[in-house]
N, C-alpha and C. Protein backbone atom coordinates (compact mmCIF):
# COMPACT_ATOMS: atom_id res chain seq x y z
N MET A 1 0.91 -1.02 -0.02
CA MET A 1 0.22 -0.17 -0.30
C MET A 1 0.75 1.30 0.20
N GLU A 2 0.35 2.19 -0.74
CA GLU A 2 1.28 2.92 -0.61
C GLU A 2 0.66 4.25 0.40
N GLU A 3 1.80 5.10 0.81
CA GLU A 3 1.61 6.14 1.95
C GLU A 3 0.06 6.94 2.02
N ARG A 4 -0.15 7.12 0.75
CA ARG A 4 -1.23 7.95 0.57
C ARG A 4 -2.23 7.75 0.89
N HIS A 5 -2.44 6.25 0.48
CA HIS A 5 -3.74 5.43 0.70
C HIS A 5 -3.72 5.26 2.44
N ILE A 6 -2.46 4.96 2.62
CA ILE A 6 -2.60 4.66 4.49
C ILE A 6 -3.41 5.90 5.23
N ARG A 7 -2.40 7.01 4.56
CA ARG A 7 -2.94 8.16 5.52
C ARG A 7 -4.40 8.56 4.98
N ALA A 8 -4.64 7.95 3.98
CA ALA A 8 -6.13 8.53 3.86
C ALA A 8 -7.38 7.72 4.95
N LEU A 9 -6.48 6.43 4.74
CA LEU A 9 -7.27 5.01 5.52
C LEU A 9 -7.40 5.43 6.84
N LEU A 10 -6.14 5.85 8.10
CA LEU A 10 -5.96 6.49 8.75
C LEU A 10 -7.04 7.54 9.28
N GLU A 11 -6.57 8.92 7.99
CA GLU A 11 -7.73 9.87 8.79
C GLU A 11 -8.98 9.62 8.53
N ASP A 12 -9.60 9.04 7.85
CA ASP A 12 -10.82 8.90 7.87
C ASP A 12 -10.77 7.83 8.92
N GLU A 13 -10.76 6.95 9.43
CA GLU A 13 -10.85 6.32 10.62
C GLU A 13 -10.54 7.35 11.47
N ARG A 14 -9.63 7.88 11.75
CA ARG A 14 -9.75 9.10 12.95
C ARG A 14 -11.05 10.21 12.83
N ALA A 15 -11.34 10.28 11.77
CA ALA A 15 -12.62 11.30 11.61
C ALA A 15 -13.95 10.28 12.14
N ARG A 16 -14.09 9.34 11.35
CA ARG A 16 -14.87 8.32 12.09
C ARG A 16 -14.95 8.12 13.96
N LEU A 17 -13.93 8.18 14.27
CA LEU A 17 -13.66 8.08 15.83
C LEU A 17 -14.34 8.92 16.41
N GLN A 18 -13.74 10.22 15.81
CA GLN A 18 -14.11 11.58 16.64
C GLN A 18 -15.38 11.95 16.62
N GLY A 19 -15.90 11.84 15.27
CA GLY A 19 -17.28 11.92 15.42
C GLY A 19 -18.23 10.71 16.38
N LEU A 20 -17.78 9.33 16.53
CA LEU A 20 -18.50 8.73 17.23
C LEU A 20 -18.37 9.75 19.00
N ARG A 21 -17.04 9.78 19.15
CA ARG A 21 -16.99 10.31 20.39
C ARG A 21 -17.55 11.82 20.65
N GLU A 22 -17.96 12.76 20.08
CA GLU A 22 -18.67 13.60 19.55
C GLU A 22 -20.38 13.67 19.94
N GLY A 23 -20.48 12.24 19.14
CA GLY A 23 -22.09 12.13 19.26
C GLY A 23 -22.88 11.53 20.81
N LEU A 24 -21.07 11.04 21.39
CA LEU A 24 -21.61 10.22 22.83
C LEU A 24 -21.01 11.21 24.25
N SER A 25 -21.35 12.12 23.33
CA SER A 25 -20.07 13.74 24.59
C SER A 25 -21.18 13.35 25.63
N GLU A 26 -22.31 13.30 25.78
CA GLU A 26 -23.36 13.63 26.50
C GLU A 26 -23.02 12.49 28.09
N ALA A 27 -22.65 11.43 27.20
CA ALA A 27 -22.35 10.27 28.06
C ALA A 27 -21.01 10.60 28.99
N ALA A 28 -20.59 11.90 29.15
CA ALA A 28 -19.42 11.98 29.80
C ALA A 28 -20.24 12.93 31.03
N GLN A 29 -21.76 13.71 31.24
CA GLN A 29 -22.02 14.02 31.88
C GLN A 29 -22.75 13.66 33.43
N PRO A 30 -22.02 14.15 34.34
CA PRO A 30 -22.87 13.23 35.51
C PRO A 30 -24.45 12.92 35.76
N VAL A 31 -24.29 11.76 36.11
CA VAL A 31 -25.96 11.70 35.99
C VAL A 31 -26.60 12.16 37.37
N GLU A 32 -27.64 12.57 37.16
CA GLU A 32 -28.75 13.63 38.02
C GLU A 32 -29.69 12.27 39.20
N ALA A 33 -29.00 11.43 39.52
CA ALA A 33 -29.86 10.59 39.99
C ALA A 33 -30.76 11.32 41.39
N GLU A 34 -30.06 12.05 42.15
CA GLU A 34 -31.01 12.37 43.09
C GLU A 34 -32.66 12.88 42.18
N THR A 35 -32.53 13.76 41.26
CA THR A 35 -33.98 14.58 40.79
C THR A 35 -34.40 13.16 39.70
N ALA A 36 -34.09 12.26 39.46
CA ALA A 36 -34.67 11.01 38.60
C ALA A 36 -35.15 10.34 40.02
N ALA A 37 -35.02 10.00 40.73
CA ALA A 37 -35.00 9.01 41.69
C ALA A 37 -36.01 10.20 42.89
N ASP A 38 -36.48 11.63 42.86
CA ASP A 38 -37.13 12.44 43.32
C ASP A 38 -38.68 12.29 42.99
N PRO A 39 -39.29 11.53 44.17
CA PRO A 39 -40.79 11.12 43.56
C PRO A 39 -41.33 13.17 43.70
N ALA A 40 -41.17 13.64 44.31
CA ALA A 40 -41.91 15.06 44.27
C ALA A 40 -41.28 15.51 42.88
N ALA A 41 -40.54 15.06 42.49
CA ALA A 41 -40.02 15.83 40.84
C ALA A 41 -40.95 14.52 39.73
N GLY A 42 -41.69 13.83 40.49
CA GLY A 42 -42.15 12.98 39.49
C GLY A 42 -41.01 12.01 38.68
N GLY A 43 -40.13 11.79 39.61
CA GLY A 43 -38.84 10.65 39.51
C GLY A 43 -39.06 9.60 40.09
N HIS A 44 -38.43 8.12 39.47
CA HIS A 44 -38.69 7.17 40.48
C HIS A 44 -37.53 6.19 40.60
N LEU A 45 -36.84 5.98 41.73
CA LEU A 45 -35.73 5.41 41.82
C LEU A 45 -35.29 4.20 40.69
N ALA A 46 -36.32 3.54 40.03
CA ALA A 46 -36.20 2.52 39.01
C ALA A 46 -35.24 3.65 37.37
N ASP A 47 -36.12 4.41 37.52
CA ASP A 47 -35.52 5.38 36.60
C ASP A 47 -34.28 5.65 36.41
N ALA A 48 -33.71 6.34 37.91
CA ALA A 48 -32.37 6.74 38.52
C ALA A 48 -31.79 5.51 37.80
N GLY A 49 -31.92 4.43 38.38
CA GLY A 49 -31.39 3.19 38.10
C GLY A 49 -30.74 3.13 36.24
N SER A 50 -31.86 2.90 35.73
CA SER A 50 -31.47 2.65 34.57
C SER A 50 -31.18 3.85 33.34
N GLU A 51 -31.19 5.03 34.01
CA GLU A 51 -30.43 6.16 33.85
C GLU A 51 -28.77 5.97 34.30
N MET A 52 -28.84 5.56 35.33
CA MET A 52 -27.26 5.13 35.62
C MET A 52 -26.29 4.21 34.80
N PHE A 53 -27.25 3.14 34.41
CA PHE A 53 -26.77 2.00 33.90
C PHE A 53 -26.67 2.60 32.06
N GLU A 54 -27.24 3.40 31.47
CA GLU A 54 -27.42 3.82 30.71
C GLU A 54 -26.32 4.39 30.27
N ARG A 55 -25.89 5.22 31.09
CA ARG A 55 -24.71 6.21 31.35
C ARG A 55 -23.38 5.81 31.55
N SER A 56 -23.68 4.69 32.27
CA SER A 56 -22.38 3.80 32.50
C SER A 56 -21.90 3.09 31.35
N ARG A 57 -22.89 2.59 30.12
CA ARG A 57 -22.64 1.81 29.29
C ARG A 57 -21.95 2.51 28.24
N ASP A 58 -22.44 4.11 28.01
CA ASP A 58 -21.84 5.18 27.17
C ASP A 58 -20.31 5.47 27.65
N LEU A 59 -20.21 5.71 28.67
CA LEU A 59 -19.22 5.88 29.35
C LEU A 59 -18.19 4.99 28.92
N SER A 60 -18.23 3.13 28.91
CA SER A 60 -17.30 2.28 28.44
C SER A 60 -17.58 2.66 26.82
N ILE A 61 -18.51 2.87 26.37
CA ILE A 61 -18.29 3.35 25.08
C ILE A 61 -17.30 4.29 24.19
N VAL A 62 -17.48 5.23 25.27
CA VAL A 62 -16.74 6.44 24.81
C VAL A 62 -14.97 5.90 25.58
N GLU A 63 -14.62 5.37 26.34
CA GLU A 63 -13.49 4.68 26.41
C GLU A 63 -12.78 4.09 25.22
N ASP A 64 -13.80 3.12 24.79
CA ASP A 64 -13.37 2.38 24.23
C ASP A 64 -12.87 2.99 22.58
N VAL A 65 -13.61 3.99 22.37
CA VAL A 65 -13.51 5.33 21.07
C VAL A 65 -12.00 5.76 20.99
N GLU A 66 -11.67 6.33 22.87
CA GLU A 66 -10.81 6.97 22.92
C GLU A 66 -9.71 6.32 23.02
N ALA A 67 -9.51 4.79 23.41
CA ALA A 67 -8.16 3.81 23.20
C ALA A 67 -8.59 3.85 21.61
N GLN A 68 -9.53 3.63 20.80
CA GLN A 68 -9.22 3.28 19.74
C GLN A 68 -8.49 4.31 18.88
N LEU A 69 -8.21 6.01 19.32
CA LEU A 69 -8.25 7.12 18.14
C LEU A 69 -6.64 6.94 18.72
N VAL A 70 -6.28 6.88 20.21
CA VAL A 70 -4.90 6.55 20.02
C VAL A 70 -4.31 5.49 19.42
N GLU A 71 -5.10 4.44 18.98
CA GLU A 71 -4.05 3.66 18.24
C GLU A 71 -3.91 4.22 17.02
N VAL A 72 -4.98 4.84 16.43
CA VAL A 72 -4.81 5.68 15.28
C VAL A 72 -3.86 6.57 15.36
N GLU A 73 -3.59 7.23 16.35
CA GLU A 73 -2.66 8.60 16.55
C GLU A 73 -1.04 7.90 16.23
N HIS A 74 -1.03 6.75 17.19
CA HIS A 74 0.20 5.92 17.36
C HIS A 74 0.40 5.38 15.49
N ALA A 75 -0.83 4.49 14.86
CA ALA A 75 -0.18 4.76 13.90
C ALA A 75 -0.50 5.52 12.80
N ILE A 76 -0.25 6.90 12.89
CA ILE A 76 0.32 7.73 12.02
C ILE A 76 1.56 7.87 12.64
N GLY A 77 1.64 8.23 13.59
CA GLY A 77 3.17 8.55 14.01
C GLY A 77 4.22 7.33 13.76
N ARG A 78 3.87 5.96 12.92
CA ARG A 78 4.83 4.67 12.43
C ARG A 78 4.88 5.25 11.10
N VAL A 79 3.24 6.04 10.50
CA VAL A 79 3.55 6.18 8.66
C VAL A 79 4.84 7.17 9.02
N GLU A 80 5.01 8.22 9.69
CA GLU A 80 5.90 9.18 9.88
C GLU A 80 7.53 9.20 10.21
N HIS A 81 7.36 7.58 10.84
CA HIS A 81 8.83 7.23 11.41
C HIS A 81 8.96 6.32 10.16
N GLY A 82 7.99 5.80 9.62
CA GLY A 82 8.46 5.09 8.42
C GLY A 82 8.54 3.30 8.99
N THR A 83 8.18 3.32 10.06
CA THR A 83 7.79 1.62 10.58
C THR A 83 6.26 1.18 10.25
N TYR A 84 5.15 2.17 9.82
CA TYR A 84 3.92 1.57 9.63
C TYR A 84 4.24 0.43 8.49
N GLY A 85 3.07 -0.68 9.18
CA GLY A 85 3.35 -1.62 8.27
C GLY A 85 3.74 -3.03 8.92
N ARG A 86 4.94 -2.78 9.94
CA ARG A 86 5.79 -3.85 10.81
C ARG A 86 5.04 -4.19 11.77
N CYS A 87 5.29 -5.79 12.08
CA CYS A 87 4.57 -6.26 13.27
C CYS A 87 5.25 -5.21 14.64
N GLU A 88 4.72 -4.98 15.66
CA GLU A 88 5.72 -4.50 16.72
C GLU A 88 6.58 -5.42 17.80
N ALA A 89 5.70 -6.63 17.35
CA ALA A 89 6.15 -7.71 18.40
C ALA A 89 7.49 -8.53 17.67
N CYS A 90 7.62 -8.95 16.14
CA CYS A 90 8.55 -9.64 15.59
C CYS A 90 9.01 -8.84 14.21
N GLY A 91 8.52 -7.78 13.62
CA GLY A 91 9.32 -6.97 12.84
C GLY A 91 8.69 -7.58 11.59
N ARG A 92 7.97 -8.74 11.53
CA ARG A 92 7.68 -8.74 10.07
C ARG A 92 6.30 -8.15 9.55
N GLU A 93 6.16 -8.11 8.28
CA GLU A 93 5.35 -7.01 7.64
C GLU A 93 4.06 -8.04 7.61
N ILE A 94 2.85 -6.77 8.21
CA ILE A 94 1.91 -6.91 8.56
C ILE A 94 0.84 -7.30 7.14
N ASP A 95 0.11 -8.39 6.90
CA ASP A 95 -0.84 -8.41 5.60
C ASP A 95 -1.30 -7.13 5.01
N ALA A 96 -1.16 -6.75 4.04
CA ALA A 96 -1.85 -5.78 3.69
C ALA A 96 -3.32 -5.89 4.05
N GLU A 97 -4.16 -6.98 3.92
CA GLU A 97 -5.29 -7.25 3.93
C GLU A 97 -5.65 -6.78 5.10
N ARG A 98 -4.91 -7.01 6.21
CA ARG A 98 -5.14 -7.19 7.45
C ARG A 98 -4.80 -5.47 7.52
N LEU A 99 -4.19 -4.52 7.00
CA LEU A 99 -4.22 -3.48 7.20
C LEU A 99 -5.21 -2.56 6.87
N GLN A 100 -5.78 -3.17 5.25
CA GLN A 100 -6.59 -2.59 5.04
C GLN A 100 -7.72 -2.43 5.86
N ALA A 101 -8.24 -3.97 6.25
CA ALA A 101 -9.74 -3.95 7.11
C ALA A 101 -9.03 -3.40 9.02
N ARG A 102 -7.93 -2.99 9.06
CA ARG A 102 -7.63 -2.39 10.65
C ARG A 102 -6.46 -1.18 10.30
N PRO A 103 -6.84 -0.35 10.16
CA PRO A 103 -5.59 0.43 9.47
C PRO A 103 -4.90 0.89 10.25
N ALA A 104 -5.31 0.70 12.14
CA ALA A 104 -4.07 1.03 13.26
C ALA A 104 -3.73 -0.29 13.68
N ALA A 105 -3.63 -1.56 12.88
CA ALA A 105 -2.71 -2.32 13.63
C ALA A 105 -1.49 -2.61 13.68
N ARG A 106 -1.33 -2.89 15.12
CA ARG A 106 0.22 -3.13 15.31
C ARG A 106 0.90 -4.16 15.97
N PHE A 107 0.04 -5.14 15.15
CA PHE A 107 1.16 -7.05 15.38
C PHE A 107 0.00 -7.41 13.66
N CYS A 108 0.98 -8.36 13.86
CA CYS A 108 0.50 -9.78 12.36
C CYS A 108 -0.53 -10.37 13.33
N LEU A 109 -1.17 -11.06 12.56
CA LEU A 109 -2.25 -11.84 13.17
C LEU A 109 -2.07 -12.77 13.85
N GLU A 110 -0.57 -13.67 13.88
CA GLU A 110 -0.04 -14.54 14.52
C GLU A 110 0.14 -13.62 16.06
N ASP A 111 0.82 -12.60 16.24
CA ASP A 111 1.47 -11.99 17.68
C ASP A 111 0.13 -11.18 17.71
N GLN A 112 -0.99 -10.89 16.98
CA GLN A 112 -2.27 -10.62 17.94
C GLN A 112 -2.85 -11.36 18.61
N ARG A 113 -3.50 -12.53 17.92
CA ARG A 113 -3.45 -13.42 18.99
C ARG A 113 -2.55 -13.90 19.91
N GLU A 114 -1.68 -14.20 20.06
CA GLU A 114 -0.49 -14.36 21.25
C GLU A 114 -1.45 -13.03 22.27
N ALA A 115 -1.24 -12.20 21.98
CA ALA A 115 -1.52 -11.28 23.08
C ALA A 115 -2.53 -10.54 23.55
N GLU A 116 -4.04 -11.72 23.03
CA GLU A 116 -5.37 -12.10 23.07
C GLU A 116 -5.10 -12.42 23.92
N ARG A 117 -4.87 -13.88 23.48
CA ARG A 117 -4.79 -15.15 24.94
C ARG A 117 -4.34 -15.09 25.80
N GLU A 118 -2.61 -13.89 26.30
CA GLU A 118 -2.10 -13.52 27.12
C GLU A 118 -3.37 -13.24 27.87
N ALA A 119 -4.08 -11.71 27.60
CA ALA A 119 -4.54 -10.53 28.23
C ALA A 119 -5.66 -11.77 28.78
N HIS A 120 -6.07 -12.78 27.81
CA HIS A 120 -7.27 -13.54 28.68
C HIS A 120 -6.91 -14.53 29.59
N LEU A 121 -6.11 -15.17 29.35
CA LEU A 121 -5.19 -15.52 30.68
C LEU A 121 -5.46 -14.49 31.97
N ARG A 122 -4.21 -13.54 31.45
CA ARG A 122 -4.48 -12.62 33.04
C ARG A 122 -5.51 -12.51 33.40
N SER A 123 -6.59 -12.21 32.97
CA SER A 123 -7.66 -11.46 33.27
C SER A 123 -8.44 -12.65 33.82
N THR A 124 -8.60 -13.73 33.39
CA THR A 124 -8.98 -15.41 34.55
C THR A 124 -8.09 -15.58 35.31
N ALA A 125 -7.14 -14.90 35.29
CA ALA A 125 -6.26 -15.77 36.95
C ALA A 125 -6.78 -14.94 37.83
């Protein structure tokens, strides 16, 4: 893949993620549990719980989007330093199909699987 095409893919991904983050910006607002649960204000405790759950879910999505943005920024830096497209673990070239599908990929498929397996083992230990 030529550098211009790579940059376009990464810029498109960055714009998509920034749009998602902006669309979910309300999730970062604190939950007004007291108002939702105040019977005098017409609220109900179950409503407050539902809203808190939804906000918590939205915050989790925002955190994931922000982590993906960090990965895209890291990939743009690798393009600028001439290391884009090489696995950060083994140094081999990452398949063009993988980079097309996931432009910010840091690892070849084999090392990605290994990293995910190790992360899973750590989380279950």
